[in-house]
């Protein structure tokens, strides 16, 4: 009885969230991003002071050359970015393809289609900008099916809601635990489409023996290297997705190739190139990275090597 009641309440919660998001989607742009976003920003920054201590501490340690005043300015801008992320998420439920194309531009050379054509590809994204929009690449790469890794939420209603807004034509959200198995079962393609493996690689990766530490934003840092391992094993090209904010709720995405699927590189080099490109993006516009996550909860232990980048660094 309790189990059925809980399931019913979860379904009602999911339905309520979905209806709320559909309602917000039909509101005009100016209301979404200059009324609702500003209200959320005020709550985050001045009422809740959401994770302010963590944000300030991480900014100070990542940018030791900046004054405390400069750090506070970045923190304030970050709260506005965080409010924008909430509005972006709330509007995902009701977007059609035309609206999705208005939200994000994909900037790539004519040769990109040739690189992607006829093979599986790894795309490494990050918590910079609004990463959910990266899935809209399915509208540009029509010969591919996207497998997008995500971490399931403990709350089933919220997890179902997020799955629902992420699931699109030729876009399949896959839990991180099932991601490799799903890829292995579909290496030859899905419904005649090759695969793009979309991975958010700047997650908090727990340390293990043999893991690669990288120097990143003044810290010894771990990155999820599943994309690198798959690329090296199956000779897949790897791209870093650079996201450039244009205005509120609007972005431009640029694909930067960091591995061609053939070059002989040591384990750790692909992630090193990824880390350097991500760091460049963050240094240029620090307020667009997700500082309210605890980024450096793990410490490199004695004897664990720090990866040294190779000379033939990133392919621009």
Protein backbone atom coordinates (compact mmCIF):
# COMPACT_ATOMS: atom_id res chain seq x y z
CA UNK A 1 0.00 0.00 0.00
CA UNK A 2 2.77 2.43 0.97
CA UNK A 3 4.68 1.52 -2.17
CA UNK A 4 1.69 2.25 -4.42
CA UNK A 5 1.01 5.53 -2.63
CA UNK A 6 4.64 6.56 -3.04
CA UNK A 7 4.53 5.70 -6.77
CA UNK A 8 1.35 7.71 -7.20
CA UNK A 9 2.83 10.72 -5.42
CA UNK A 10 5.98 10.51 -7.57
CA UNK A 11 3.88 10.42 -10.74
CA UNK A 12 1.91 13.46 -9.56
CA UNK A 13 5.14 15.29 -8.75
CA UNK A 14 6.57 14.49 -12.18
CA UNK A 15 3.33 15.58 -13.88
CA UNK A 16 3.26 18.84 -11.92
CA UNK A 17 6.85 19.63 -12.92
CA UNK A 18 6.14 18.84 -16.54
CA UNK A 19 3.03 21.07 -16.62
CA UNK A 20 4.93 23.90 -14.89
CA UNK A 21 7.70 23.69 -17.46
CA UNK A 22 5.29 23.61 -20.38
CA UNK A 23 3.59 26.70 -18.98
CA UNK A 24 6.86 28.58 -18.56
CA UNK A 25 7.90 27.66 -22.11
CA UNK A 26 4.97 29.54 -23.66
CA UNK A 27 5.83 32.75 -21.77
CA UNK A 28 7.65 35.44 -23.79
CA UNK A 29 11.43 35.53 -23.83
CA UNK A 30 11.61 38.84 -21.94
CA UNK A 31 9.55 37.42 -19.08
CA UNK A 32 11.57 34.20 -18.88
CA UNK A 33 15.00 35.84 -18.85
CA UNK A 34 14.43 39.35 -17.49
CA UNK A 35 11.70 38.74 -14.91
CA UNK A 36 11.82 35.08 -13.84
CA UNK A 37 15.60 34.80 -14.09
CA UNK A 38 16.11 38.00 -12.08
CA UNK A 39 13.73 36.74 -9.40
CA UNK A 40 15.62 33.44 -9.12
CA UNK A 41 18.92 35.35 -9.10
CA UNK A 42 17.73 37.51 -6.19
CA UNK A 43 16.70 34.41 -4.22
CA UNK A 44 19.99 32.59 -4.87
CA UNK A 45 22.26 35.53 -4.14
CA UNK A 46 20.55 37.55 -1.43
CA UNK A 47 18.02 35.35 0.34
CA UNK A 48 19.46 31.82 0.22
CA UNK A 49 23.10 32.88 -0.35
CA UNK A 50 23.30 29.51 -2.07
CA UNK A 51 26.57 27.72 -1.25
CA UNK A 52 28.33 31.07 -1.13
CA UNK A 53 31.11 29.83 1.15
CA UNK A 54 31.97 26.94 -1.22
CA UNK A 55 31.80 29.16 -4.32
CA UNK A 56 34.05 31.85 -2.82
CA UNK A 57 36.58 29.33 -1.50
CA UNK A 58 36.86 27.52 -4.83
CA UNK A 59 37.20 30.77 -6.77
CA UNK A 60 39.93 31.99 -4.39
CA UNK A 61 41.91 28.77 -4.70
CA UNK A 62 41.46 28.56 -8.49
CA UNK A 63 42.49 32.20 -9.04
CA UNK A 64 45.02 33.07 -6.31
CA UNK A 65 46.15 36.16 -8.24
CA UNK A 66 42.70 37.77 -8.06
CA UNK A 67 41.74 40.07 -5.22
CA UNK A 68 38.84 39.17 -2.96
CA UNK A 69 36.83 41.98 -4.57
CA UNK A 70 37.38 40.43 -8.02
CA UNK A 71 36.34 37.02 -6.67
CA UNK A 72 33.14 38.49 -5.20
CA UNK A 73 32.31 40.07 -8.56
CA UNK A 74 32.69 36.68 -10.28
CA UNK A 75 30.55 35.08 -7.57
CA UNK A 76 27.79 37.61 -8.20
CA UNK A 77 27.90 36.96 -11.95
CA UNK A 78 27.85 33.23 -11.28
CA UNK A 79 24.57 33.52 -9.36
CA UNK A 80 23.02 35.13 -12.44
CA UNK A 81 24.38 32.27 -14.58
CA UNK A 82 22.92 29.77 -12.12
CA UNK A 83 19.53 31.49 -12.34
CA UNK A 84 19.75 31.30 -16.13
CA UNK A 85 20.49 27.56 -15.91
CA UNK A 86 17.26 27.10 -13.94
CA UNK A 87 15.23 28.99 -16.56
CA UNK A 88 16.91 27.08 -19.39
CA UNK A 89 16.01 23.79 -17.71
CA UNK A 90 12.41 24.82 -17.04
CA UNK A 91 11.90 25.73 -20.69
CA UNK A 92 13.34 22.50 -22.14
CA UNK A 93 10.04 20.62 -21.81
CA UNK A 94 8.18 22.57 -24.47
CA UNK A 95 10.81 23.29 -27.13
CA UNK A 96 10.34 22.09 -30.70
CA UNK A 97 13.14 21.78 -33.25
CA UNK A 98 12.72 25.37 -34.47
CA UNK A 99 13.00 26.73 -30.93
CA UNK A 100 15.96 24.47 -30.17
CA UNK A 101 17.77 25.82 -33.22
CA UNK A 102 17.17 29.36 -31.91
CA UNK A 103 18.69 28.49 -28.53
CA UNK A 104 22.03 27.18 -29.79
CA UNK A 105 24.19 27.58 -32.89
CA UNK A 106 26.64 24.87 -33.94
CA UNK A 107 29.74 26.33 -35.52
CA UNK A 108 31.85 23.82 -37.41
CA UNK A 109 33.85 23.64 -40.63
CA UNK A 110 32.75 21.86 -43.80
CA UNK A 111 35.25 19.12 -43.03
CA UNK A 112 33.42 18.20 -39.82
CA UNK A 113 30.78 16.20 -41.66
CA UNK A 114 33.51 14.20 -43.38
CA UNK A 115 35.19 13.44 -40.05
CA UNK A 116 31.92 12.32 -38.48
CA UNK A 117 30.68 10.44 -41.54
CA UNK A 118 30.57 6.66 -41.28
CA UNK A 119 32.08 6.30 -37.81
CA UNK A 120 31.38 6.64 -34.11
CA UNK A 121 32.64 9.80 -32.42
CA UNK A 122 33.27 10.91 -28.81
CA UNK A 123 32.26 14.45 -27.78
CA UNK A 124 33.46 15.65 -24.36
CA UNK A 125 31.36 18.40 -22.81
CA UNK A 126 31.54 20.10 -19.41
CA UNK A 127 29.57 22.08 -16.84
CA UNK A 128 30.38 25.29 -18.71
CA UNK A 129 27.50 27.24 -20.18
CA UNK A 130 24.37 25.14 -20.50
CA UNK A 131 25.47 21.60 -21.30
CA UNK A 132 21.94 20.26 -21.93
CA UNK A 133 21.87 22.21 -25.20
CA UNK A 134 24.76 20.10 -26.50
CA UNK A 135 22.22 17.34 -27.19
CA UNK A 136 20.65 19.56 -29.83
CA UNK A 137 23.55 18.53 -32.08
CA UNK A 138 21.25 15.77 -33.35
CA UNK A 139 19.70 18.43 -35.62
CA UNK A 140 23.06 19.03 -37.29
CA UNK A 141 24.47 15.51 -37.46
CA UNK A 142 21.49 13.74 -38.96
CA UNK A 143 23.41 10.54 -39.70
CA UNK A 144 24.17 9.92 -36.03
CA UNK A 145 22.36 8.76 -32.92
CA UNK A 146 23.43 10.43 -29.66
CA UNK A 147 24.10 8.44 -26.51
CA UNK A 148 24.21 10.92 -23.64
CA UNK A 149 25.56 9.81 -20.27
CA UNK A 150 23.85 11.02 -17.10
CA UNK A 151 23.90 10.28 -13.38
CA UNK A 152 20.48 9.05 -12.16
CA UNK A 153 18.91 11.04 -9.33
CA UNK A 154 17.78 9.37 -6.13
CA UNK A 155 14.37 11.02 -6.32
CA UNK A 156 12.53 8.93 -8.92
CA UNK A 157 10.12 11.72 -9.88
CA UNK A 158 12.96 14.15 -10.61
CA UNK A 159 14.94 11.43 -12.38
CA UNK A 160 11.99 10.59 -14.64
CA UNK A 161 11.41 14.27 -15.32
CA UNK A 162 15.01 14.86 -16.38
CA UNK A 163 14.99 11.74 -18.53
CA UNK A 164 11.84 12.95 -20.22
CA UNK A 165 13.23 16.39 -21.13
CA UNK A 166 16.52 14.88 -22.33
CA UNK A 167 14.96 12.20 -24.52
CA UNK A 168 14.60 13.42 -28.10
CA UNK A 169 14.67 12.10 -31.62
CA UNK A 170 17.97 10.20 -32.01
CA UNK A 171 19.01 11.23 -28.49
CA UNK A 172 19.13 8.47 -25.86
CA UNK A 173 19.99 9.36 -22.25
CA UNK A 174 21.90 6.45 -20.70
CA UNK A 175 22.85 6.08 -17.03
CA UNK A 176 26.60 6.26 -16.45
CA UNK A 177 26.68 2.71 -15.08
CA UNK A 178 25.08 1.33 -18.25
CA UNK A 179 26.85 3.59 -20.73
CA UNK A 180 29.74 1.33 -21.75
CA UNK A 181 27.46 -1.72 -22.02
CA UNK A 182 24.98 0.24 -24.15
CA UNK A 183 27.77 1.36 -26.45
CA UNK A 184 29.16 -2.16 -26.75
CA UNK A 185 25.73 -3.54 -27.63
CA UNK A 186 25.25 -0.89 -30.32
CA UNK A 187 28.74 -0.33 -31.74
CA UNK A 188 27.46 -1.01 -35.25
CA UNK A 189 24.84 1.72 -34.87
CA UNK A 190 21.21 2.28 -33.90
CA UNK A 191 18.58 2.20 -36.65
CA UNK A 192 21.30 2.61 -39.25
CA UNK A 193 22.91 5.60 -37.50
CA UNK A 194 26.46 5.74 -36.18
CA UNK A 195 26.91 6.96 -32.61
CA UNK A 196 28.00 10.19 -31.01
CA UNK A 197 28.98 9.51 -27.40
CA UNK A 198 28.25 12.61 -25.34
CA UNK A 199 30.09 12.68 -22.00
CA UNK A 200 30.32 15.42 -19.37
CA UNK A 201 33.91 14.78 -18.35
CA UNK A 202 34.50 17.36 -15.60
CA UNK A 203 32.59 15.40 -12.96
CA UNK A 204 34.02 14.53 -9.55
CA UNK A 205 35.87 11.34 -10.39
CA UNK A 206 36.76 9.14 -7.37
CA UNK A 207 40.48 8.29 -7.26
CA UNK A 208 41.53 4.76 -8.23
CA UNK A 209 44.87 3.08 -8.82
CA UNK A 210 46.22 4.06 -12.21
CA UNK A 211 44.04 7.16 -12.54
CA UNK A 212 45.57 10.27 -14.11
CA UNK A 213 45.83 13.50 -12.16
CA UNK A 214 45.97 16.73 -14.16
CA UNK A 215 46.99 20.24 -13.17
CA UNK A 216 43.82 22.28 -13.62
CA UNK A 217 42.87 25.69 -12.20
CA UNK A 218 45.68 25.58 -9.63
CA UNK A 219 44.60 22.12 -8.37
CA UNK A 220 45.57 18.50 -8.94
CA UNK A 221 42.36 17.29 -10.53
CA UNK A 222 40.75 14.05 -11.71
CA UNK A 223 38.49 13.78 -14.76
CA UNK A 224 36.26 10.95 -15.91
CA UNK A 225 38.32 9.26 -18.60
CA UNK A 226 35.75 6.77 -19.93
CA UNK A 227 35.55 8.66 -23.22
CA UNK A 228 39.31 8.52 -23.63
CA UNK A 229 39.44 4.80 -22.89
CA UNK A 230 36.73 4.03 -25.44
CA UNK A 231 38.35 6.28 -28.05
CA UNK A 232 41.75 4.63 -27.68
CA UNK A 233 40.33 1.12 -27.72
CA UNK A 234 38.02 1.60 -30.72
CA UNK A 235 39.95 4.30 -32.65
CA UNK A 236 37.25 6.96 -32.38
CA UNK A 237 37.90 10.69 -32.94
CA UNK A 238 37.41 12.87 -29.86
CA UNK A 239 36.12 16.44 -29.80
CA UNK A 240 35.90 19.07 -27.10
CA UNK A 241 32.65 21.01 -27.26
CA UNK A 242 33.42 24.65 -26.53
CA UNK A 243 30.29 26.54 -25.52
CA UNK A 244 30.19 30.31 -25.96
CA UNK A 245 27.39 32.32 -24.30
CA UNK A 246 25.84 34.84 -26.70
CA UNK A 247 23.05 36.29 -24.58
CA UNK A 248 20.64 34.98 -21.98
CA UNK A 249 19.48 31.52 -23.01
CA UNK A 250 21.46 31.60 -26.27
CA UNK A 251 24.78 29.86 -27.01
CA UNK A 252 27.19 28.97 -29.79
CA UNK A 253 28.91 25.57 -29.76
CA UNK A 254 32.23 24.93 -31.44
CA UNK A 255 33.78 21.49 -31.97
CA UNK A 256 37.54 21.28 -31.37
CA UNK A 257 39.20 18.03 -32.39
CA UNK A 258 41.62 16.78 -29.75
CA UNK A 259 42.20 13.26 -31.09
CA UNK A 260 41.82 11.89 -34.62
CA UNK A 261 41.36 8.24 -33.70
CA UNK A 262 44.71 7.25 -35.23
CA UNK A 263 47.44 9.21 -33.46
CA UNK A 264 49.60 7.25 -31.04
CA UNK A 265 49.16 8.91 -27.64
CA UNK A 266 49.73 7.69 -24.09
CA UNK A 267 46.84 7.11 -21.74
CA UNK A 268 45.93 10.43 -20.15
CA UNK A 269 46.89 12.66 -23.08
CA UNK A 270 43.37 13.07 -24.48
CA UNK A 271 42.03 14.15 -21.09
CA UNK A 272 45.01 16.47 -20.68
CA UNK A 273 44.08 18.24 -23.92
CA UNK A 274 40.47 18.41 -22.79
CA UNK A 275 41.50 19.90 -19.43
CA UNK A 276 43.62 22.59 -21.05
CA UNK A 277 40.82 23.66 -23.42
CA UNK A 278 38.25 23.71 -20.63
CA UNK A 279 40.61 25.76 -18.47
CA UNK A 280 40.97 28.30 -21.28
CA UNK A 281 37.17 28.64 -21.48
CA UNK A 282 36.86 29.08 -17.71
CA UNK A 283 39.69 31.62 -17.41
CA UNK A 284 38.09 33.70 -20.18
CA UNK A 285 34.58 33.62 -18.62
CA UNK A 286 34.78 32.12 -15.11
CA UNK A 287 31.18 32.93 -14.19
CA UNK A 288 29.89 30.31 -16.66
CA UNK A 289 31.38 27.26 -14.91
CA UNK A 290 29.49 25.38 -12.18
CA UNK A 291 31.30 26.62 -9.06
CA UNK A 292 28.58 25.50 -6.63
CA UNK A 293 29.66 21.86 -7.07
CA UNK A 294 32.43 20.68 -4.76
CA UNK A 295 35.10 20.32 -7.43
CA UNK A 296 38.11 19.28 -5.39
CA UNK A 297 36.94 16.94 -2.67
CA UNK A 298 39.77 14.46 -3.43
CA UNK A 299 43.48 14.99 -2.80
CA UNK A 300 46.30 13.44 -4.80
CA UNK A 301 48.07 10.98 -2.54
CA UNK A 302 51.83 10.63 -2.21
CA UNK A 303 53.33 8.63 -5.02
CA UNK A 304 50.40 9.18 -7.38
CA UNK A 305 51.90 10.76 -10.54
CA UNK A 306 50.77 14.06 -12.01
CA UNK A 307 50.27 13.75 -15.77
CA UNK A 308 52.70 15.73 -17.92
CA UNK A 309 51.15 16.96 -21.20
CA UNK A 310 52.81 15.90 -24.45
CA UNK A 311 54.47 18.46 -26.75
CA UNK A 312 52.00 17.99 -29.63
CA UNK A 313 49.19 19.46 -27.57
CA UNK A 314 45.74 20.39 -28.76
CA UNK A 315 44.66 20.35 -32.36
CA UNK A 316 42.86 23.67 -32.97
